[in-house]
């Protein structure tokens, strides 16, 4: 098994598009976040273990709507499994890990900031934007540390962006424990003024 390198991301999605057709699938749009989106947009070039699917996209002439997916259709599972075998990827390389966030709440305006890329006749990927990555990465970094912290600061967030992200994170976890962890994180990373305003 090998990790997903930045230089194979386009190949992966093009292969997935072909396999969707082979397995009798339908055209669909998917929102991708995490390390794959960071690399695909050239924001942070690093390897990742998987492709995190946030949800499905419903496109109308005037707007995009992100819909929660609780499971993939069988043809998409089969298509992803075939691509995984062909590229020697981990078994769960294509997953709905962050999908519950669609229900819990997304940063305001995220849909308008999605970056759209068509990979063939069947697959369109919508990558989340830099500012939305900052929101998600701060939320994850507060109590998980590790690569989330590295990703967050590799995005070179401005102070105003950190403050906006911090305000969003406290709507996701309203506990005093989380708020204390967030304030501590901000102070450790030299955002003490923001910590006082949260």
N, C-alpha and C. Protein backbone atom coordinates (compact mmCIF):
# COMPACT_ATOMS: atom_id res chain seq x y z
N UNK A 1 0.85 -1.20 0.00
CA UNK A 1 0.00 0.00 0.00
C UNK A 1 0.88 1.25 0.00
N UNK A 2 0.46 2.23 -0.75
CA UNK A 2 1.26 3.45 -0.79
C UNK A 2 0.37 4.67 -0.55
N UNK A 3 0.97 5.75 -0.06
CA UNK A 3 0.18 6.96 0.16
C UNK A 3 -0.15 7.64 -1.17
N UNK A 4 -1.03 8.59 -1.09
CA UNK A 4 -1.41 9.36 -2.28
C UNK A 4 -0.47 10.55 -2.40
N UNK A 5 0.33 10.54 -3.45
CA UNK A 5 1.27 11.63 -3.71
C UNK A 5 0.54 12.74 -4.48
N UNK A 6 0.95 14.00 -4.30
CA UNK A 6 0.30 15.09 -5.02
C UNK A 6 0.26 14.90 -6.53
N UNK A 7 1.33 14.28 -7.08
CA UNK A 7 1.41 14.17 -8.54
C UNK A 7 0.53 13.08 -9.15
N UNK A 8 -0.18 12.30 -8.32
CA UNK A 8 -1.08 11.29 -8.89
C UNK A 8 -2.55 11.62 -8.67
N UNK A 9 -2.85 12.74 -8.04
CA UNK A 9 -4.24 13.06 -7.71
C UNK A 9 -5.10 13.16 -8.97
N UNK A 10 -4.64 13.89 -9.97
CA UNK A 10 -5.42 14.00 -11.20
C UNK A 10 -5.61 12.64 -11.86
N UNK A 11 -4.55 11.83 -11.87
CA UNK A 11 -4.65 10.49 -12.45
C UNK A 11 -5.68 9.64 -11.71
N UNK A 12 -5.71 9.76 -10.39
CA UNK A 12 -6.67 9.00 -9.59
C UNK A 12 -8.11 9.35 -9.97
N UNK A 13 -8.39 10.64 -10.04
CA UNK A 13 -9.76 11.05 -10.33
C UNK A 13 -10.15 10.74 -11.78
N UNK A 14 -9.21 10.85 -12.70
CA UNK A 14 -9.50 10.47 -14.08
C UNK A 14 -9.79 8.97 -14.18
N UNK A 15 -9.01 8.18 -13.44
CA UNK A 15 -9.25 6.73 -13.42
C UNK A 15 -10.59 6.42 -12.78
N UNK A 16 -10.94 7.15 -11.73
CA UNK A 16 -12.23 6.93 -11.07
C UNK A 16 -13.38 7.27 -12.01
N UNK A 17 -13.22 8.34 -12.77
CA UNK A 17 -14.24 8.70 -13.76
C UNK A 17 -14.47 7.55 -14.74
N UNK A 18 -13.39 6.96 -15.23
CA UNK A 18 -13.52 5.85 -16.19
C UNK A 18 -14.20 4.65 -15.55
N UNK A 19 -13.84 4.37 -14.30
CA UNK A 19 -14.42 3.21 -13.62
C UNK A 19 -15.90 3.43 -13.26
N UNK A 20 -16.29 4.66 -13.02
CA UNK A 20 -17.71 4.95 -12.79
C UNK A 20 -18.51 4.56 -14.03
N UNK A 21 -17.98 4.90 -15.19
CA UNK A 21 -18.65 4.52 -16.44
C UNK A 21 -18.70 3.00 -16.60
N UNK A 22 -17.57 2.34 -16.37
CA UNK A 22 -17.49 0.88 -16.50
C UNK A 22 -18.50 0.19 -15.59
N UNK A 23 -18.68 0.73 -14.38
CA UNK A 23 -19.55 0.09 -13.40
C UNK A 23 -21.00 0.60 -13.45
N UNK A 24 -21.35 1.27 -14.54
CA UNK A 24 -22.73 1.67 -14.74
C UNK A 24 -23.21 2.80 -13.86
N UNK A 25 -22.29 3.68 -13.49
CA UNK A 25 -22.65 4.78 -12.61
C UNK A 25 -23.27 5.95 -13.32
N UNK A 26 -23.56 6.98 -12.55
CA UNK A 26 -24.17 8.20 -13.05
C UNK A 26 -23.24 9.38 -12.79
N UNK A 27 -23.37 10.46 -13.57
CA UNK A 27 -22.56 11.65 -13.30
C UNK A 27 -22.83 12.18 -11.89
N UNK A 28 -21.77 12.60 -11.23
CA UNK A 28 -21.95 13.15 -9.88
C UNK A 28 -20.84 14.14 -9.56
N UNK A 29 -21.16 15.03 -8.62
CA UNK A 29 -20.18 15.97 -8.09
C UNK A 29 -19.95 15.68 -6.63
N UNK A 30 -18.69 15.72 -6.22
CA UNK A 30 -18.33 15.43 -4.84
C UNK A 30 -17.45 16.54 -4.28
N UNK A 31 -17.65 16.87 -3.01
CA UNK A 31 -16.81 17.86 -2.34
C UNK A 31 -15.67 17.14 -1.64
N UNK A 32 -14.45 17.57 -1.94
CA UNK A 32 -13.26 16.97 -1.34
C UNK A 32 -12.57 17.99 -0.44
N UNK A 33 -12.22 17.55 0.78
CA UNK A 33 -11.47 18.40 1.71
C UNK A 33 -10.19 17.69 2.10
N UNK A 34 -9.56 18.12 3.19
CA UNK A 34 -8.37 17.43 3.68
C UNK A 34 -7.14 17.58 2.81
N UNK A 35 -6.20 16.65 3.00
CA UNK A 35 -4.91 16.73 2.33
C UNK A 35 -4.98 16.67 0.83
N UNK A 36 -5.93 15.91 0.29
CA UNK A 36 -6.07 15.83 -1.16
C UNK A 36 -6.42 17.18 -1.75
N UNK A 37 -7.34 17.89 -1.11
CA UNK A 37 -7.72 19.22 -1.59
C UNK A 37 -6.57 20.21 -1.45
N UNK A 38 -5.83 20.11 -0.36
CA UNK A 38 -4.67 20.99 -0.17
C UNK A 38 -3.69 20.84 -1.32
N UNK A 39 -3.38 19.59 -1.68
CA UNK A 39 -2.41 19.33 -2.74
C UNK A 39 -2.97 19.67 -4.12
N UNK A 40 -4.23 19.31 -4.36
CA UNK A 40 -4.83 19.53 -5.68
C UNK A 40 -4.85 21.01 -6.04
N UNK A 41 -5.01 21.87 -5.04
CA UNK A 41 -5.04 23.32 -5.29
C UNK A 41 -3.68 23.97 -5.11
N UNK A 42 -2.66 23.16 -4.83
CA UNK A 42 -1.31 23.69 -4.68
C UNK A 42 -1.12 24.51 -3.42
N UNK A 43 -1.97 24.30 -2.41
CA UNK A 43 -1.86 25.07 -1.17
C UNK A 43 -0.81 24.50 -0.24
N UNK A 44 -0.81 23.19 -0.08
CA UNK A 44 0.19 22.47 0.73
C UNK A 44 0.47 21.16 0.01
N UNK A 45 1.68 21.00 -0.47
CA UNK A 45 2.01 19.80 -1.24
C UNK A 45 2.57 18.74 -0.30
N UNK A 46 1.74 17.74 -0.02
CA UNK A 46 2.18 16.65 0.85
C UNK A 46 1.42 15.38 0.50
N UNK A 47 1.94 14.26 0.97
CA UNK A 47 1.22 13.00 0.76
C UNK A 47 0.04 12.92 1.72
N UNK A 48 -0.91 12.07 1.38
CA UNK A 48 -2.06 11.84 2.24
C UNK A 48 -2.45 10.38 2.15
N UNK A 49 -3.19 9.91 3.12
CA UNK A 49 -3.59 8.50 3.15
C UNK A 49 -4.88 8.25 2.38
N UNK A 50 -5.69 9.31 2.22
CA UNK A 50 -7.01 9.06 1.67
C UNK A 50 -7.59 10.30 1.01
N UNK A 51 -8.76 10.10 0.42
CA UNK A 51 -9.54 11.19 -0.16
C UNK A 51 -10.78 11.35 0.71
N UNK A 52 -10.89 12.50 1.37
CA UNK A 52 -12.00 12.77 2.28
C UNK A 52 -13.15 13.42 1.52
N UNK A 53 -14.29 12.74 1.47
CA UNK A 53 -15.46 13.27 0.79
C UNK A 53 -16.38 13.92 1.82
N UNK A 54 -16.62 15.21 1.64
CA UNK A 54 -17.48 15.95 2.57
C UNK A 54 -18.95 15.73 2.24
N UNK A 55 -19.27 15.63 0.96
CA UNK A 55 -20.66 15.44 0.56
C UNK A 55 -20.81 15.45 -0.94
N UNK A 56 -22.05 15.33 -1.38
CA UNK A 56 -22.37 15.39 -2.81
C UNK A 56 -22.83 16.81 -3.14
N UNK A 57 -22.67 17.19 -4.39
CA UNK A 57 -23.06 18.53 -4.83
C UNK A 57 -24.27 18.44 -5.75
N UNK A 58 -25.29 19.21 -5.42
CA UNK A 58 -26.44 19.39 -6.29
C UNK A 58 -26.26 20.73 -6.99
N UNK A 59 -26.10 20.69 -8.30
CA UNK A 59 -25.89 21.90 -9.08
C UNK A 59 -27.18 22.34 -9.75
N UNK A 60 -27.54 23.60 -9.57
CA UNK A 60 -28.62 24.21 -10.32
C UNK A 60 -28.04 25.43 -11.02
N UNK A 61 -28.76 26.03 -11.96
CA UNK A 61 -28.19 27.17 -12.68
C UNK A 61 -27.70 28.32 -11.80
N UNK A 62 -28.29 28.47 -10.62
CA UNK A 62 -27.98 29.64 -9.80
C UNK A 62 -27.26 29.35 -8.50
N UNK A 63 -27.14 28.07 -8.13
CA UNK A 63 -26.47 27.79 -6.86
C UNK A 63 -26.00 26.35 -6.77
N UNK A 64 -25.09 26.14 -5.81
CA UNK A 64 -24.63 24.80 -5.46
C UNK A 64 -25.14 24.49 -4.06
N UNK A 65 -25.57 23.26 -3.86
CA UNK A 65 -25.98 22.81 -2.54
C UNK A 65 -25.20 21.55 -2.19
N UNK A 66 -24.64 21.52 -0.98
CA UNK A 66 -23.92 20.33 -0.53
C UNK A 66 -24.89 19.44 0.24
N UNK A 67 -24.98 18.20 -0.19
CA UNK A 67 -25.88 17.25 0.45
C UNK A 67 -25.07 16.19 1.19
N UNK A 68 -25.55 15.82 2.37
CA UNK A 68 -24.85 14.79 3.13
C UNK A 68 -25.02 13.43 2.45
N UNK A 69 -23.95 12.66 2.46
CA UNK A 69 -23.99 11.28 1.99
C UNK A 69 -23.75 10.37 3.20
N UNK A 70 -24.61 9.40 3.41
CA UNK A 70 -24.39 8.45 4.50
C UNK A 70 -23.66 7.21 4.00
N UNK A 71 -23.73 6.99 2.70
CA UNK A 71 -22.98 5.89 2.08
C UNK A 71 -22.85 6.17 0.59
N UNK A 72 -21.88 5.53 -0.03
CA UNK A 72 -21.71 5.65 -1.47
C UNK A 72 -22.63 4.66 -2.18
N UNK A 73 -23.11 5.01 -3.39
CA UNK A 73 -23.83 4.00 -4.17
C UNK A 73 -22.89 2.85 -4.52
N UNK A 74 -23.44 1.68 -4.73
CA UNK A 74 -22.63 0.48 -4.93
C UNK A 74 -21.68 0.62 -6.11
N UNK A 75 -22.14 1.25 -7.20
CA UNK A 75 -21.27 1.41 -8.36
C UNK A 75 -20.07 2.29 -8.06
N UNK A 76 -20.23 3.26 -7.15
CA UNK A 76 -19.09 4.11 -6.78
C UNK A 76 -18.12 3.34 -5.88
N UNK A 77 -18.66 2.53 -4.99
CA UNK A 77 -17.81 1.67 -4.15
C UNK A 77 -16.96 0.76 -5.02
N UNK A 78 -17.60 0.12 -6.00
CA UNK A 78 -16.89 -0.80 -6.88
C UNK A 78 -15.85 -0.07 -7.72
N UNK A 79 -16.21 1.11 -8.22
CA UNK A 79 -15.27 1.90 -9.01
C UNK A 79 -14.06 2.31 -8.18
N UNK A 80 -14.31 2.78 -6.95
CA UNK A 80 -13.21 3.20 -6.08
C UNK A 80 -12.33 2.02 -5.68
N UNK A 81 -12.94 0.87 -5.45
CA UNK A 81 -12.16 -0.32 -5.11
C UNK A 81 -11.22 -0.71 -6.25
N UNK A 82 -11.72 -0.62 -7.48
CA UNK A 82 -10.88 -0.96 -8.64
C UNK A 82 -9.72 0.01 -8.77
N UNK A 83 -9.98 1.29 -8.61
CA UNK A 83 -8.91 2.29 -8.68
C UNK A 83 -7.91 2.06 -7.55
N UNK A 84 -8.42 1.76 -6.37
CA UNK A 84 -7.54 1.49 -5.23
C UNK A 84 -6.60 0.33 -5.50
N UNK A 85 -7.12 -0.73 -6.09
CA UNK A 85 -6.27 -1.88 -6.42
C UNK A 85 -5.25 -1.51 -7.49
N UNK A 86 -5.69 -0.78 -8.50
CA UNK A 86 -4.79 -0.41 -9.60
C UNK A 86 -3.64 0.47 -9.14
N UNK A 87 -3.91 1.34 -8.16
CA UNK A 87 -2.90 2.27 -7.68
C UNK A 87 -2.25 1.81 -6.36
N UNK A 88 -2.62 0.63 -5.90
CA UNK A 88 -2.07 0.06 -4.67
C UNK A 88 -2.29 0.98 -3.47
N UNK A 89 -3.53 1.42 -3.31
CA UNK A 89 -3.88 2.35 -2.23
C UNK A 89 -4.49 1.61 -1.05
N UNK A 90 -4.51 2.24 0.13
CA UNK A 90 -5.16 1.61 1.29
C UNK A 90 -6.62 1.30 0.99
N UNK A 91 -7.16 0.31 1.67
CA UNK A 91 -8.52 -0.17 1.40
C UNK A 91 -9.56 0.94 1.49
N UNK A 92 -9.44 1.81 2.47
CA UNK A 92 -10.44 2.86 2.69
C UNK A 92 -9.96 4.21 2.15
N UNK A 93 -9.29 4.18 1.01
CA UNK A 93 -8.66 5.40 0.48
C UNK A 93 -9.69 6.46 0.09
N UNK A 94 -10.90 6.05 -0.22
CA UNK A 94 -11.96 6.94 -0.69
C UNK A 94 -13.11 6.82 0.31
N UNK A 95 -13.32 7.85 1.14
CA UNK A 95 -14.22 7.65 2.27
C UNK A 95 -15.04 8.89 2.63
N UNK A 96 -16.04 8.65 3.46
CA UNK A 96 -16.95 9.70 3.92
C UNK A 96 -16.63 10.14 5.34
N UNK A 97 -15.37 10.08 5.72
CA UNK A 97 -14.96 10.42 7.08
C UNK A 97 -15.52 11.72 7.62
N UNK A 98 -15.46 12.83 6.85
CA UNK A 98 -15.94 14.10 7.38
C UNK A 98 -17.40 14.42 7.06
N UNK A 99 -18.15 13.45 6.52
CA UNK A 99 -19.50 13.74 6.00
C UNK A 99 -20.46 14.30 7.03
N UNK A 100 -20.30 13.94 8.30
CA UNK A 100 -21.22 14.43 9.33
C UNK A 100 -21.14 15.95 9.49
N UNK A 101 -20.04 16.55 9.02
CA UNK A 101 -19.87 17.99 9.16
C UNK A 101 -20.94 18.77 8.38
N UNK A 102 -21.48 18.16 7.33
CA UNK A 102 -22.53 18.81 6.55
C UNK A 102 -23.75 19.09 7.43
N UNK A 103 -24.05 18.17 8.34
CA UNK A 103 -25.18 18.33 9.26
C UNK A 103 -24.79 19.22 10.44
N UNK A 104 -23.58 19.05 10.95
CA UNK A 104 -23.14 19.81 12.12
C UNK A 104 -22.97 21.29 11.81
N UNK A 105 -22.61 21.59 10.56
CA UNK A 105 -22.48 22.99 10.17
C UNK A 105 -21.19 23.28 9.43
N UNK A 106 -21.30 23.98 8.32
CA UNK A 106 -20.15 24.35 7.51
C UNK A 106 -19.87 25.85 7.65
N UNK A 107 -18.64 26.27 7.40
CA UNK A 107 -18.36 27.71 7.41
C UNK A 107 -19.29 28.43 6.43
N UNK A 108 -19.80 29.58 6.84
CA UNK A 108 -20.72 30.33 5.99
C UNK A 108 -20.13 30.65 4.63
N UNK A 109 -20.87 30.37 3.57
CA UNK A 109 -20.43 30.69 2.22
C UNK A 109 -19.50 29.68 1.59
N UNK A 110 -19.26 28.56 2.26
CA UNK A 110 -18.33 27.55 1.73
C UNK A 110 -18.70 27.14 0.31
N UNK A 111 -19.99 26.97 0.04
CA UNK A 111 -20.42 26.52 -1.29
C UNK A 111 -19.98 27.48 -2.39
N UNK A 112 -20.00 28.77 -2.09
CA UNK A 112 -19.64 29.78 -3.09
C UNK A 112 -18.14 29.80 -3.37
N UNK A 113 -17.36 29.24 -2.47
CA UNK A 113 -15.90 29.28 -2.63
C UNK A 113 -15.32 27.97 -3.18
N UNK A 114 -16.14 26.99 -3.43
CA UNK A 114 -15.64 25.71 -3.95
C UNK A 114 -14.93 25.89 -5.28
N UNK A 115 -13.89 25.12 -5.48
CA UNK A 115 -13.12 25.16 -6.73
C UNK A 115 -13.48 23.92 -7.54
N UNK A 116 -14.09 24.13 -8.68
CA UNK A 116 -14.66 23.04 -9.48
C UNK A 116 -13.65 22.52 -10.50
N UNK A 117 -13.54 21.20 -10.60
CA UNK A 117 -12.69 20.58 -11.61
C UNK A 117 -13.38 19.35 -12.17
N UNK A 118 -13.49 19.32 -13.49
CA UNK A 118 -14.14 18.20 -14.18
C UNK A 118 -13.09 17.18 -14.58
N UNK A 119 -13.34 15.92 -14.24
CA UNK A 119 -12.37 14.86 -14.51
C UNK A 119 -12.83 13.90 -15.60
N UNK A 120 -13.88 14.23 -16.29
CA UNK A 120 -14.37 13.37 -17.36
C UNK A 120 -15.87 13.55 -17.50
N UNK A 121 -16.51 12.57 -18.11
CA UNK A 121 -17.95 12.65 -18.36
C UNK A 121 -18.79 12.40 -17.11
N UNK A 122 -18.19 11.76 -16.10
CA UNK A 122 -18.97 11.33 -14.95
C UNK A 122 -18.61 12.02 -13.64
N UNK A 123 -17.36 12.40 -13.48
CA UNK A 123 -16.89 12.87 -12.16
C UNK A 123 -16.47 14.33 -12.17
N UNK A 124 -17.12 15.11 -11.31
CA UNK A 124 -16.72 16.49 -11.06
C UNK A 124 -16.37 16.61 -9.58
N UNK A 125 -15.19 17.14 -9.31
CA UNK A 125 -14.74 17.32 -7.93
C UNK A 125 -14.77 18.80 -7.57
N UNK A 126 -15.27 19.09 -6.40
CA UNK A 126 -15.30 20.46 -5.87
C UNK A 126 -14.38 20.49 -4.64
N UNK A 127 -13.24 21.16 -4.78
CA UNK A 127 -12.28 21.24 -3.68
C UNK A 127 -12.63 22.43 -2.79
N UNK A 128 -12.53 22.24 -1.47
CA UNK A 128 -12.80 23.37 -0.58
C UNK A 128 -11.65 24.38 -0.67
N UNK A 129 -11.97 25.63 -0.41
CA UNK A 129 -11.01 26.72 -0.59
C UNK A 129 -10.03 26.84 0.57
N UNK A 130 -9.05 27.70 0.37
CA UNK A 130 -8.02 27.93 1.39
C UNK A 130 -8.64 28.39 2.71
N UNK A 131 -9.55 29.37 2.68
CA UNK A 131 -10.10 29.90 3.93
C UNK A 131 -10.92 28.83 4.65
N UNK A 132 -11.59 27.97 3.91
CA UNK A 132 -12.35 26.90 4.55
C UNK A 132 -11.43 25.82 5.12
N UNK A 133 -10.31 25.60 4.45
CA UNK A 133 -9.29 24.71 5.03
C UNK A 133 -8.81 25.25 6.37
N UNK A 134 -8.62 26.55 6.45
CA UNK A 134 -8.17 27.16 7.71
C UNK A 134 -9.19 26.90 8.81
N UNK A 135 -10.46 27.02 8.49
CA UNK A 135 -11.52 26.72 9.47
C UNK A 135 -11.41 25.28 9.95
N UNK A 136 -11.40 24.35 9.01
CA UNK A 136 -11.38 22.92 9.37
C UNK A 136 -10.09 22.54 10.10
N UNK A 137 -8.97 23.08 9.62
CA UNK A 137 -7.68 22.71 10.22
C UNK A 137 -7.54 23.26 11.64
N UNK A 138 -8.04 24.47 11.88
CA UNK A 138 -8.00 24.99 13.25
C UNK A 138 -8.86 24.12 14.16
N UNK A 139 -10.03 23.78 13.71
CA UNK A 139 -10.94 22.95 14.51
C UNK A 139 -10.28 21.62 14.86
N UNK A 140 -9.62 21.01 13.88
CA UNK A 140 -8.96 19.72 14.13
C UNK A 140 -7.69 19.87 14.96
N UNK A 141 -6.97 20.97 14.75
CA UNK A 141 -5.67 21.15 15.42
C UNK A 141 -5.80 21.36 16.92
N UNK A 142 -6.92 21.93 17.36
CA UNK A 142 -7.07 22.27 18.78
C UNK A 142 -6.86 21.08 19.69
N UNK A 143 -7.41 19.93 19.31
CA UNK A 143 -7.26 18.77 20.20
C UNK A 143 -6.63 17.54 19.55
N UNK A 144 -6.15 17.70 18.30
CA UNK A 144 -5.51 16.56 17.64
C UNK A 144 -4.03 16.78 17.35
N UNK A 145 -3.63 18.05 17.24
CA UNK A 145 -2.22 18.37 17.02
C UNK A 145 -1.70 17.71 15.73
N UNK A 146 -0.43 17.38 15.68
CA UNK A 146 0.14 16.66 14.54
C UNK A 146 0.06 17.41 13.23
N UNK A 147 -0.28 16.66 12.16
CA UNK A 147 -0.24 17.24 10.82
C UNK A 147 -1.30 18.33 10.62
N UNK A 148 -2.36 18.35 11.41
CA UNK A 148 -3.35 19.41 11.28
C UNK A 148 -2.74 20.77 11.62
N UNK A 149 -1.91 20.80 12.64
CA UNK A 149 -1.22 22.04 13.01
C UNK A 149 -0.26 22.46 11.89
N UNK A 150 0.48 21.50 11.37
CA UNK A 150 1.41 21.78 10.28
C UNK A 150 0.68 22.33 9.07
N UNK A 151 -0.43 21.70 8.71
CA UNK A 151 -1.22 22.17 7.56
C UNK A 151 -1.74 23.58 7.80
N UNK A 152 -2.26 23.81 9.00
CA UNK A 152 -2.83 25.11 9.32
C UNK A 152 -1.82 26.23 9.09
N UNK A 153 -0.63 26.07 9.62
CA UNK A 153 0.35 27.15 9.51
C UNK A 153 1.06 27.17 8.16
N UNK A 154 1.03 26.06 7.44
CA UNK A 154 1.53 26.06 6.06
C UNK A 154 0.63 26.90 5.16
N UNK A 155 -0.61 27.09 5.56
CA UNK A 155 -1.54 27.94 4.81
C UNK A 155 -1.31 29.42 5.06
N UNK A 156 -0.38 29.73 5.97
CA UNK A 156 -0.01 31.12 6.30
C UNK A 156 -1.25 32.00 6.57
N UNK A 157 -2.05 31.60 7.54
CA UNK A 157 -3.27 32.37 7.81
C UNK A 157 -2.98 33.74 8.39
N UNK A 158 -3.75 34.73 7.95
CA UNK A 158 -3.67 36.06 8.54
C UNK A 158 -4.42 36.04 9.88
N UNK A 159 -4.13 37.02 10.71
CA UNK A 159 -4.76 37.05 12.03
C UNK A 159 -6.28 37.09 11.93
N UNK A 160 -6.79 37.88 10.98
CA UNK A 160 -8.24 37.98 10.81
C UNK A 160 -8.84 36.65 10.39
N UNK A 161 -8.10 35.87 9.62
CA UNK A 161 -8.59 34.56 9.19
C UNK A 161 -8.64 33.58 10.35
N UNK A 162 -7.63 33.64 11.21
CA UNK A 162 -7.63 32.79 12.40
C UNK A 162 -8.80 33.16 13.32
N UNK A 163 -9.05 34.46 13.46
CA UNK A 163 -10.14 34.88 14.33
C UNK A 163 -11.49 34.41 13.79
N UNK A 164 -11.68 34.56 12.48
CA UNK A 164 -12.94 34.11 11.87
C UNK A 164 -13.11 32.61 12.04
N UNK A 165 -12.02 31.87 11.83
CA UNK A 165 -12.07 30.41 11.99
C UNK A 165 -12.35 30.03 13.43
N UNK A 166 -11.73 30.74 14.36
CA UNK A 166 -11.94 30.44 15.79
C UNK A 166 -13.39 30.67 16.18
N UNK A 167 -13.98 31.74 15.66
CA UNK A 167 -15.39 32.02 15.96
C UNK A 167 -16.29 30.90 15.45
N UNK A 168 -15.92 30.33 14.31
CA UNK A 168 -16.71 29.21 13.77
C UNK A 168 -16.53 27.95 14.61
N UNK A 169 -15.31 27.68 15.04
CA UNK A 169 -15.07 26.42 15.76
C UNK A 169 -15.88 26.33 17.05
N UNK A 170 -16.10 27.46 17.71
CA UNK A 170 -16.86 27.40 18.97
C UNK A 170 -18.35 27.19 18.73
N UNK A 171 -18.79 27.30 17.48
CA UNK A 171 -20.18 26.92 17.16
C UNK A 171 -20.27 25.42 16.93
N UNK A 172 -19.15 24.78 16.69
CA UNK A 172 -19.13 23.34 16.42
C UNK A 172 -19.01 22.52 17.70
N UNK A 173 -18.32 23.07 18.67
CA UNK A 173 -18.19 22.42 19.98
C UNK A 173 -18.39 23.50 21.03
N UNK A 174 -19.55 23.48 21.65
CA UNK A 174 -19.92 24.58 22.56
C UNK A 174 -19.47 24.32 24.00
N UNK A 175 -18.74 23.24 24.22
CA UNK A 175 -18.31 22.91 25.58
C UNK A 175 -17.24 23.87 26.09
N UNK A 176 -17.23 24.07 27.39
CA UNK A 176 -16.20 24.91 28.00
C UNK A 176 -14.82 24.28 27.87
N UNK A 177 -14.79 22.95 27.86
CA UNK A 177 -13.51 22.24 27.71
C UNK A 177 -12.88 22.59 26.37
N UNK A 178 -13.67 22.54 25.29
CA UNK A 178 -13.14 22.87 23.97
C UNK A 178 -12.71 24.33 23.92
N UNK A 179 -13.53 25.21 24.47
CA UNK A 179 -13.20 26.63 24.44
C UNK A 179 -11.88 26.90 25.16
N UNK A 180 -11.65 26.22 26.26
CA UNK A 180 -10.39 26.36 26.98
C UNK A 180 -9.22 25.85 26.15
N UNK A 181 -9.41 24.71 25.50
CA UNK A 181 -8.37 24.16 24.62
C UNK A 181 -8.06 25.12 23.48
N UNK A 182 -9.11 25.70 22.91
CA UNK A 182 -8.94 26.65 21.81
C UNK A 182 -8.15 27.87 22.27
N UNK A 183 -8.53 28.43 23.41
CA UNK A 183 -7.83 29.60 23.93
C UNK A 183 -6.35 29.27 24.19
N UNK A 184 -6.10 28.11 24.77
CA UNK A 184 -4.72 27.69 25.04
C UNK A 184 -3.94 27.57 23.74
N UNK A 185 -4.56 26.97 22.73
CA UNK A 185 -3.90 26.80 21.43
C UNK A 185 -3.55 28.16 20.83
N UNK A 186 -4.51 29.08 20.87
CA UNK A 186 -4.28 30.41 20.31
C UNK A 186 -3.16 31.14 21.05
N UNK A 187 -3.14 31.03 22.35
CA UNK A 187 -2.09 31.70 23.13
C UNK A 187 -0.72 31.10 22.84
N UNK A 188 -0.64 29.79 22.78
CA UNK A 188 0.63 29.11 22.49
C UNK A 188 1.19 29.55 21.14
N UNK A 189 0.27 29.77 20.18
CA UNK A 189 0.70 30.12 18.83
C UNK A 189 0.64 31.63 18.56
N UNK A 190 0.71 32.40 19.64
CA UNK A 190 0.87 33.86 19.56
C UNK A 190 -0.36 34.59 19.02
N UNK A 191 -1.54 34.05 19.34
CA UNK A 191 -2.79 34.74 19.01
C UNK A 191 -3.54 35.05 20.30
N UNK A 192 -2.82 35.55 21.29
CA UNK A 192 -3.41 35.82 22.59
C UNK A 192 -4.54 36.82 22.55
N UNK A 193 -4.42 37.84 21.68
CA UNK A 193 -5.48 38.84 21.58
C UNK A 193 -6.78 38.22 21.09
N UNK A 194 -6.66 37.29 20.15
CA UNK A 194 -7.85 36.60 19.65
C UNK A 194 -8.45 35.74 20.75
N UNK A 195 -7.59 35.06 21.50
CA UNK A 195 -8.06 34.20 22.59
C UNK A 195 -8.92 34.98 23.58
N UNK A 196 -8.55 36.23 23.83
CA UNK A 196 -9.31 37.05 24.78
C UNK A 196 -10.68 37.42 24.24
N UNK A 197 -10.81 37.45 22.91
CA UNK A 197 -12.08 37.87 22.31
C UNK A 197 -13.03 36.70 22.04
N UNK A 198 -12.55 35.49 22.19
CA UNK A 198 -13.39 34.32 21.90
C UNK A 198 -14.34 34.03 23.06
